[in-house]
N, C-alpha and C. Protein backbone atom coordinates (compact mmCIF):
# COMPACT_ATOMS: atom_id res chain seq x y z
N MET A 1 0.53 2.52 -3.03
CA MET A 1 -0.22 1.62 -2.18
C MET A 1 -1.64 2.16 -2.06
N VAL A 2 -2.62 1.34 -2.42
CA VAL A 2 -3.99 1.84 -2.47
C VAL A 2 -4.95 0.88 -1.77
N CYS A 3 -5.75 1.44 -0.85
CA CYS A 3 -6.85 0.71 -0.23
C CYS A 3 -8.09 1.58 -0.33
N LEU A 4 -9.11 1.30 0.45
CA LEU A 4 -10.36 2.04 0.34
C LEU A 4 -10.26 3.44 0.95
N GLY A 5 -9.91 3.53 2.22
CA GLY A 5 -9.95 4.82 2.89
C GLY A 5 -8.62 5.48 3.14
N ASN A 6 -7.52 4.76 2.93
CA ASN A 6 -6.17 5.27 3.16
C ASN A 6 -5.91 5.61 4.62
N ILE A 7 -6.46 4.76 5.52
CA ILE A 7 -6.15 4.94 6.94
C ILE A 7 -5.65 3.65 7.60
N CYS A 8 -5.78 2.50 6.93
CA CYS A 8 -5.36 1.23 7.54
C CYS A 8 -4.29 0.53 6.72
N ARG A 9 -4.71 -0.16 5.68
CA ARG A 9 -3.79 -1.02 4.93
C ARG A 9 -2.75 -0.24 4.12
N SER A 10 -3.20 0.72 3.32
CA SER A 10 -2.24 1.39 2.43
C SER A 10 -1.21 2.23 3.17
N PRO A 11 -1.57 2.95 4.25
CA PRO A 11 -0.50 3.66 4.95
C PRO A 11 0.48 2.69 5.63
N LEU A 12 -0.04 1.55 6.08
CA LEU A 12 0.83 0.55 6.68
C LEU A 12 1.79 0.00 5.63
N ALA A 13 1.28 -0.32 4.44
CA ALA A 13 2.15 -0.80 3.35
C ALA A 13 3.17 0.26 2.97
N GLU A 14 2.75 1.51 2.91
CA GLU A 14 3.67 2.61 2.60
C GLU A 14 4.80 2.66 3.63
N GLY A 15 4.44 2.63 4.91
CA GLY A 15 5.44 2.70 5.96
C GLY A 15 6.39 1.51 5.95
N ILE A 16 5.84 0.33 5.72
CA ILE A 16 6.67 -0.88 5.68
C ILE A 16 7.66 -0.80 4.53
N LEU A 17 7.18 -0.45 3.34
CA LEU A 17 8.08 -0.39 2.19
C LEU A 17 9.16 0.67 2.39
N LYS A 18 8.77 1.83 2.90
CA LYS A 18 9.78 2.87 3.18
C LYS A 18 10.84 2.36 4.13
N SER A 19 10.44 1.58 5.13
CA SER A 19 11.41 1.06 6.11
C SER A 19 12.36 0.05 5.48
N LYS A 20 11.98 -0.54 4.39
CA LYS A 20 12.81 -1.53 3.71
C LYS A 20 13.68 -0.91 2.62
N ILE A 21 13.31 0.26 2.15
CA ILE A 21 14.04 0.91 1.06
C ILE A 21 15.35 1.55 1.55
N ASP A 22 15.30 2.29 2.65
CA ASP A 22 16.49 2.99 3.12
C ASP A 22 17.68 2.07 3.37
N PRO A 23 17.50 0.95 4.07
CA PRO A 23 18.65 0.07 4.31
C PRO A 23 19.24 -0.52 3.02
N ARG A 24 18.46 -0.52 1.97
CA ARG A 24 18.93 -1.08 0.69
C ARG A 24 19.56 -0.02 -0.20
N GLY A 25 19.64 1.21 0.27
CA GLY A 25 20.23 2.28 -0.52
C GLY A 25 19.34 2.77 -1.65
N LEU A 26 18.04 2.68 -1.48
CA LEU A 26 17.10 3.10 -2.52
C LEU A 26 16.41 4.40 -2.13
N LYS A 27 17.16 5.34 -1.61
CA LYS A 27 16.58 6.58 -1.09
C LYS A 27 15.85 7.40 -2.15
N ALA A 28 16.18 7.22 -3.42
CA ALA A 28 15.53 7.98 -4.49
C ALA A 28 14.15 7.42 -4.84
N THR A 29 13.80 6.29 -4.27
CA THR A 29 12.50 5.68 -4.54
C THR A 29 11.42 6.40 -3.74
N THR A 30 10.34 6.76 -4.40
CA THR A 30 9.23 7.44 -3.75
C THR A 30 8.10 6.45 -3.50
N VAL A 31 7.61 6.44 -2.27
CA VAL A 31 6.50 5.57 -1.89
C VAL A 31 5.41 6.42 -1.25
N HIS A 32 4.19 6.28 -1.74
CA HIS A 32 3.06 6.99 -1.16
C HIS A 32 1.85 6.06 -1.12
N SER A 33 0.81 6.51 -0.48
CA SER A 33 -0.42 5.72 -0.42
C SER A 33 -1.62 6.63 -0.66
N ALA A 34 -2.72 5.97 -1.01
CA ALA A 34 -3.96 6.71 -1.28
C ALA A 34 -5.14 5.75 -1.09
N GLY A 35 -6.32 6.31 -1.08
CA GLY A 35 -7.54 5.53 -1.01
C GLY A 35 -8.36 5.72 -2.27
N THR A 36 -9.22 4.76 -2.56
CA THR A 36 -10.11 4.92 -3.71
C THR A 36 -11.31 5.78 -3.36
N SER A 37 -11.62 5.89 -2.08
CA SER A 37 -12.77 6.71 -1.65
C SER A 37 -12.26 8.02 -1.06
N ASN A 38 -13.19 8.91 -0.82
CA ASN A 38 -12.83 10.18 -0.18
C ASN A 38 -13.26 10.20 1.29
N TYR A 39 -13.59 9.02 1.85
CA TYR A 39 -14.10 8.94 3.22
C TYR A 39 -13.17 9.54 4.26
N HIS A 40 -11.87 9.38 4.07
CA HIS A 40 -10.93 9.77 5.11
C HIS A 40 -9.87 10.76 4.61
N VAL A 41 -10.20 11.52 3.57
CA VAL A 41 -9.26 12.53 3.09
C VAL A 41 -8.98 13.51 4.23
N GLY A 42 -7.71 13.73 4.50
CA GLY A 42 -7.31 14.65 5.57
C GLY A 42 -7.22 14.03 6.95
N ASP A 43 -7.60 12.74 7.07
CA ASP A 43 -7.56 12.07 8.37
C ASP A 43 -6.20 11.42 8.61
N PHE A 44 -5.87 11.27 9.88
CA PHE A 44 -4.68 10.52 10.27
C PHE A 44 -4.95 9.03 10.10
N ALA A 45 -3.89 8.24 10.10
CA ALA A 45 -4.04 6.78 10.04
C ALA A 45 -4.79 6.31 11.27
N ASP A 46 -5.53 5.22 11.12
CA ASP A 46 -6.26 4.61 12.23
C ASP A 46 -5.29 4.36 13.38
N PRO A 47 -5.66 4.68 14.61
CA PRO A 47 -4.75 4.49 15.75
C PRO A 47 -4.23 3.05 15.89
N ARG A 48 -5.04 2.08 15.50
CA ARG A 48 -4.59 0.68 15.57
C ARG A 48 -3.51 0.40 14.53
N THR A 49 -3.60 1.05 13.38
CA THR A 49 -2.56 0.94 12.36
C THR A 49 -1.28 1.58 12.87
N VAL A 50 -1.41 2.74 13.46
CA VAL A 50 -0.25 3.45 14.02
C VAL A 50 0.41 2.58 15.09
N ASP A 51 -0.40 1.96 15.94
CA ASP A 51 0.14 1.12 17.02
C ASP A 51 0.89 -0.09 16.50
N VAL A 52 0.32 -0.80 15.52
CA VAL A 52 1.01 -1.98 15.00
C VAL A 52 2.28 -1.57 14.26
N ALA A 53 2.24 -0.45 13.57
CA ALA A 53 3.44 0.04 12.89
C ALA A 53 4.52 0.38 13.91
N ARG A 54 4.13 1.11 14.96
CA ARG A 54 5.09 1.49 16.00
C ARG A 54 5.72 0.26 16.64
N LYS A 55 4.93 -0.76 16.88
CA LYS A 55 5.41 -2.02 17.45
C LYS A 55 6.55 -2.61 16.61
N HIS A 56 6.51 -2.33 15.30
CA HIS A 56 7.51 -2.86 14.38
C HIS A 56 8.52 -1.79 13.95
N GLY A 57 8.58 -0.69 14.69
CA GLY A 57 9.59 0.33 14.43
C GLY A 57 9.29 1.27 13.28
N ILE A 58 8.03 1.41 12.92
CA ILE A 58 7.63 2.27 11.81
C ILE A 58 6.76 3.41 12.35
N ASN A 59 7.08 4.64 11.95
CA ASN A 59 6.36 5.81 12.42
C ASN A 59 5.38 6.28 11.35
N LEU A 60 4.10 6.25 11.66
CA LEU A 60 3.06 6.71 10.72
C LEU A 60 2.37 7.99 11.20
N HIS A 61 2.93 8.66 12.19
CA HIS A 61 2.26 9.82 12.77
C HIS A 61 2.04 10.98 11.79
N SER A 62 2.83 11.06 10.75
CA SER A 62 2.66 12.17 9.80
C SER A 62 1.73 11.83 8.63
N HIS A 63 1.20 10.62 8.62
CA HIS A 63 0.32 10.21 7.50
C HIS A 63 -0.99 11.00 7.53
N ILE A 64 -1.37 11.49 6.34
CA ILE A 64 -2.64 12.17 6.15
C ILE A 64 -3.33 11.51 4.95
N GLY A 65 -4.56 11.05 5.16
CA GLY A 65 -5.30 10.34 4.11
C GLY A 65 -5.55 11.21 2.90
N ARG A 66 -5.45 10.58 1.73
CA ARG A 66 -5.74 11.27 0.47
C ARG A 66 -6.40 10.29 -0.48
N GLN A 67 -7.04 10.82 -1.50
CA GLN A 67 -7.72 9.99 -2.50
C GLN A 67 -6.84 9.85 -3.73
N PHE A 68 -6.84 8.65 -4.32
CA PHE A 68 -6.12 8.38 -5.56
C PHE A 68 -6.68 9.27 -6.66
N THR A 69 -5.80 9.80 -7.50
CA THR A 69 -6.23 10.61 -8.64
C THR A 69 -5.60 10.05 -9.91
N VAL A 70 -6.18 10.37 -11.03
CA VAL A 70 -5.67 9.91 -12.32
C VAL A 70 -4.22 10.35 -12.51
N SER A 71 -3.84 11.50 -11.99
CA SER A 71 -2.46 11.97 -12.14
C SER A 71 -1.45 11.05 -11.43
N ASP A 72 -1.93 10.21 -10.50
CA ASP A 72 -1.02 9.26 -9.84
C ASP A 72 -0.44 8.27 -10.86
N PHE A 73 -1.15 8.00 -11.93
CA PHE A 73 -0.60 7.14 -12.98
C PHE A 73 0.66 7.76 -13.59
N ASP A 74 0.71 9.08 -13.64
CA ASP A 74 1.88 9.77 -14.20
C ASP A 74 3.02 9.85 -13.19
N LYS A 75 2.71 9.87 -11.91
CA LYS A 75 3.72 10.05 -10.86
C LYS A 75 4.42 8.76 -10.44
N TYR A 76 3.76 7.61 -10.59
CA TYR A 76 4.28 6.36 -10.02
C TYR A 76 4.43 5.27 -11.08
N ASP A 77 5.49 4.50 -10.93
CA ASP A 77 5.77 3.39 -11.85
C ASP A 77 4.93 2.16 -11.53
N ARG A 78 4.62 1.94 -10.26
CA ARG A 78 3.85 0.78 -9.80
C ARG A 78 2.75 1.27 -8.88
N ILE A 79 1.59 0.66 -8.98
CA ILE A 79 0.45 0.97 -8.11
C ILE A 79 -0.03 -0.36 -7.55
N TYR A 80 0.15 -0.54 -6.25
CA TYR A 80 -0.22 -1.78 -5.58
C TYR A 80 -1.56 -1.60 -4.87
N THR A 81 -2.51 -2.47 -5.19
CA THR A 81 -3.83 -2.40 -4.58
C THR A 81 -3.95 -3.49 -3.51
N MET A 82 -4.77 -3.22 -2.51
CA MET A 82 -4.90 -4.12 -1.37
C MET A 82 -5.95 -5.21 -1.57
N ASP A 83 -6.92 -4.97 -2.45
CA ASP A 83 -7.94 -6.00 -2.66
C ASP A 83 -8.56 -5.84 -4.05
N SER A 84 -9.38 -6.81 -4.43
CA SER A 84 -9.95 -6.82 -5.78
C SER A 84 -10.88 -5.65 -6.04
N SER A 85 -11.62 -5.21 -5.04
CA SER A 85 -12.52 -4.08 -5.22
C SER A 85 -11.74 -2.81 -5.54
N ASN A 86 -10.71 -2.53 -4.76
CA ASN A 86 -9.90 -1.34 -5.02
C ASN A 86 -9.10 -1.50 -6.31
N HIS A 87 -8.71 -2.71 -6.62
CA HIS A 87 -8.01 -2.98 -7.87
C HIS A 87 -8.89 -2.58 -9.06
N GLN A 88 -10.14 -3.02 -9.04
CA GLN A 88 -11.06 -2.68 -10.12
C GLN A 88 -11.34 -1.18 -10.17
N SER A 89 -11.43 -0.55 -9.01
CA SER A 89 -11.66 0.91 -8.98
C SER A 89 -10.51 1.66 -9.65
N ILE A 90 -9.29 1.23 -9.39
CA ILE A 90 -8.13 1.88 -9.99
C ILE A 90 -8.08 1.60 -11.50
N LEU A 91 -8.36 0.36 -11.88
CA LEU A 91 -8.35 0.04 -13.31
C LEU A 91 -9.40 0.85 -14.08
N ARG A 92 -10.53 1.14 -13.45
CA ARG A 92 -11.56 1.96 -14.11
C ARG A 92 -11.06 3.39 -14.37
N LEU A 93 -10.12 3.85 -13.57
CA LEU A 93 -9.57 5.20 -13.76
C LEU A 93 -8.46 5.24 -14.80
N ALA A 94 -7.94 4.06 -15.15
CA ALA A 94 -6.83 4.00 -16.11
C ALA A 94 -7.26 4.58 -17.45
N ARG A 95 -6.37 5.37 -18.01
CA ARG A 95 -6.67 6.03 -19.28
C ARG A 95 -6.28 5.18 -20.48
N ASN A 96 -5.35 4.24 -20.26
CA ASN A 96 -4.83 3.46 -21.38
C ASN A 96 -4.15 2.19 -20.84
N GLU A 97 -3.62 1.39 -21.74
CA GLU A 97 -2.98 0.14 -21.35
C GLU A 97 -1.73 0.39 -20.50
N SER A 98 -1.02 1.45 -20.76
CA SER A 98 0.17 1.79 -19.97
C SER A 98 -0.21 1.99 -18.50
N ASP A 99 -1.30 2.70 -18.26
CA ASP A 99 -1.79 2.89 -16.89
C ASP A 99 -2.16 1.55 -16.27
N ARG A 100 -2.89 0.73 -17.01
CA ARG A 100 -3.34 -0.57 -16.49
C ARG A 100 -2.17 -1.47 -16.13
N GLN A 101 -1.09 -1.41 -16.90
CA GLN A 101 0.07 -2.26 -16.65
C GLN A 101 0.78 -1.92 -15.34
N LYS A 102 0.54 -0.74 -14.82
CA LYS A 102 1.18 -0.31 -13.57
C LYS A 102 0.48 -0.88 -12.33
N VAL A 103 -0.73 -1.38 -12.49
CA VAL A 103 -1.58 -1.77 -11.36
C VAL A 103 -1.44 -3.26 -11.07
N GLU A 104 -1.17 -3.58 -9.82
CA GLU A 104 -1.03 -4.97 -9.40
C GLU A 104 -1.56 -5.13 -7.98
N MET A 105 -2.18 -6.25 -7.72
CA MET A 105 -2.59 -6.55 -6.34
C MET A 105 -1.33 -6.89 -5.55
N ILE A 106 -1.16 -6.28 -4.41
CA ILE A 106 0.10 -6.38 -3.67
C ILE A 106 0.47 -7.81 -3.29
N LEU A 107 -0.51 -8.63 -2.97
CA LEU A 107 -0.17 -10.00 -2.57
C LEU A 107 0.24 -10.89 -3.74
N ASN A 108 0.10 -10.39 -4.97
CA ASN A 108 0.63 -11.14 -6.11
C ASN A 108 2.16 -11.16 -6.08
N THR A 109 2.76 -10.27 -5.31
CA THR A 109 4.22 -10.33 -5.16
C THR A 109 4.62 -11.55 -4.34
N SER A 110 3.82 -11.89 -3.35
CA SER A 110 4.08 -13.05 -2.48
C SER A 110 3.49 -14.34 -3.05
N TYR A 111 2.34 -14.21 -3.70
CA TYR A 111 1.61 -15.36 -4.24
C TYR A 111 1.25 -15.06 -5.69
N PRO A 112 2.24 -15.17 -6.60
CA PRO A 112 2.02 -14.78 -8.01
C PRO A 112 0.75 -15.40 -8.60
N GLY A 113 -0.06 -14.52 -9.18
CA GLY A 113 -1.29 -14.95 -9.83
C GLY A 113 -2.41 -15.33 -8.88
N GLY A 114 -2.18 -15.22 -7.57
CA GLY A 114 -3.20 -15.62 -6.60
C GLY A 114 -4.35 -14.65 -6.46
N ASN A 115 -4.11 -13.39 -6.82
CA ASN A 115 -5.12 -12.34 -6.70
C ASN A 115 -5.80 -12.36 -5.34
N MET A 116 -5.00 -12.54 -4.30
CA MET A 116 -5.51 -12.59 -2.93
C MET A 116 -5.69 -11.18 -2.36
N ASN A 117 -6.73 -11.03 -1.55
CA ASN A 117 -7.00 -9.75 -0.90
C ASN A 117 -6.26 -9.64 0.42
N VAL A 118 -5.79 -8.44 0.71
CA VAL A 118 -5.35 -8.11 2.06
C VAL A 118 -6.64 -7.74 2.79
N PRO A 119 -7.01 -8.48 3.83
CA PRO A 119 -8.29 -8.19 4.50
C PRO A 119 -8.27 -6.82 5.16
N ASP A 120 -9.40 -6.16 5.15
CA ASP A 120 -9.52 -4.86 5.80
C ASP A 120 -9.60 -5.10 7.31
N PRO A 121 -8.62 -4.63 8.07
CA PRO A 121 -8.61 -4.90 9.51
C PRO A 121 -9.51 -3.95 10.31
N TYR A 122 -10.15 -3.00 9.65
CA TYR A 122 -10.90 -1.96 10.35
C TYR A 122 -11.88 -2.54 11.36
N TYR A 123 -12.59 -3.61 10.99
CA TYR A 123 -13.56 -4.23 11.90
C TYR A 123 -13.07 -5.55 12.47
N GLY A 124 -11.77 -5.86 12.26
CA GLY A 124 -11.23 -7.15 12.65
C GLY A 124 -10.55 -7.22 13.99
N GLY A 125 -10.59 -6.15 14.77
CA GLY A 125 -9.95 -6.17 16.08
C GLY A 125 -8.44 -6.03 15.99
N GLU A 126 -7.79 -6.01 17.14
CA GLU A 126 -6.34 -5.80 17.21
C GLU A 126 -5.55 -6.85 16.46
N ASN A 127 -5.95 -8.11 16.55
CA ASN A 127 -5.23 -9.18 15.89
C ASN A 127 -5.26 -9.03 14.38
N GLY A 128 -6.34 -8.46 13.86
CA GLY A 128 -6.45 -8.25 12.42
C GLY A 128 -5.37 -7.33 11.89
N PHE A 129 -5.00 -6.33 12.66
CA PHE A 129 -3.96 -5.39 12.24
C PHE A 129 -2.59 -6.07 12.21
N GLU A 130 -2.32 -6.94 13.16
CA GLU A 130 -1.06 -7.67 13.17
C GLU A 130 -1.00 -8.65 11.99
N LYS A 131 -2.10 -9.30 11.71
CA LYS A 131 -2.16 -10.23 10.58
C LYS A 131 -1.88 -9.49 9.27
N VAL A 132 -2.50 -8.33 9.09
CA VAL A 132 -2.30 -7.52 7.90
C VAL A 132 -0.84 -7.06 7.83
N TYR A 133 -0.28 -6.66 8.98
CA TYR A 133 1.13 -6.26 8.99
C TYR A 133 2.01 -7.38 8.43
N LYS A 134 1.82 -8.58 8.88
CA LYS A 134 2.66 -9.70 8.44
C LYS A 134 2.51 -9.95 6.94
N MET A 135 1.30 -9.87 6.43
CA MET A 135 1.08 -10.07 4.99
C MET A 135 1.79 -8.99 4.19
N LEU A 136 1.64 -7.75 4.62
CA LEU A 136 2.24 -6.63 3.89
C LEU A 136 3.76 -6.61 4.04
N ASP A 137 4.25 -7.02 5.19
CA ASP A 137 5.70 -7.07 5.40
C ASP A 137 6.34 -8.05 4.42
N GLU A 138 5.73 -9.20 4.26
CA GLU A 138 6.26 -10.20 3.33
C GLU A 138 6.24 -9.66 1.89
N ALA A 139 5.14 -9.06 1.50
CA ALA A 139 5.02 -8.52 0.14
C ALA A 139 6.02 -7.38 -0.08
N CYS A 140 6.16 -6.50 0.89
CA CYS A 140 7.06 -5.35 0.75
C CYS A 140 8.52 -5.78 0.72
N GLU A 141 8.85 -6.85 1.40
CA GLU A 141 10.21 -7.40 1.34
C GLU A 141 10.53 -7.80 -0.10
N ILE A 142 9.61 -8.45 -0.75
CA ILE A 142 9.79 -8.87 -2.15
C ILE A 142 9.86 -7.65 -3.07
N ILE A 143 8.99 -6.68 -2.86
CA ILE A 143 9.01 -5.46 -3.67
C ILE A 143 10.36 -4.76 -3.54
N ALA A 144 10.86 -4.62 -2.32
CA ALA A 144 12.15 -3.95 -2.10
C ALA A 144 13.28 -4.72 -2.78
N ASP A 145 13.26 -6.04 -2.66
CA ASP A 145 14.28 -6.86 -3.33
C ASP A 145 14.20 -6.67 -4.85
N ASN A 146 13.00 -6.62 -5.38
CA ASN A 146 12.82 -6.41 -6.83
C ASN A 146 13.30 -5.04 -7.27
N LEU A 147 13.16 -4.05 -6.41
CA LEU A 147 13.65 -2.71 -6.74
C LEU A 147 15.17 -2.72 -6.90
N ILE A 148 15.85 -3.49 -6.08
CA ILE A 148 17.31 -3.60 -6.19
C ILE A 148 17.67 -4.33 -7.48
N THR A 149 16.97 -5.39 -7.78
CA THR A 149 17.24 -6.18 -8.99
C THR A 149 17.04 -5.34 -10.24
N ASN A 150 16.04 -4.47 -10.22
CA ASN A 150 15.71 -3.65 -11.40
C ASN A 150 16.35 -2.28 -11.37
N LYS A 151 17.23 -2.04 -10.43
CA LYS A 151 17.87 -0.72 -10.25
C LYS A 151 18.68 -0.33 -11.46
């Protein structure tokens, strides 16, 4: 899960997907998040992200921001980006077609081919975080279901 700073959208997506994996018996699945920038490396998730996650039974207190690295292409089978800007940033780091094939905009799971952005809630107030939660929850539900299908 990749966004710009790894303190709002991507940690929320990580937490949501993790919460959907365990009940499905997919404990061997690894889910992590990162940012394309180094703005928040070492920072905790935004308190508003933590609050909306907690409201939905997800604990993000141990999240520490990190930056996406080229080696992430080797560690992960799928790389979900939150918006077109971060999508392009990740594709620029891809070493080959195999790397590029791993990258998908997360809302394409809910709206195939739509290339829709998950809005950055950082400046959007409290309601923005809830809106982002709902978008990511729907997408992560589909991702978790697909993990079972492809198990």
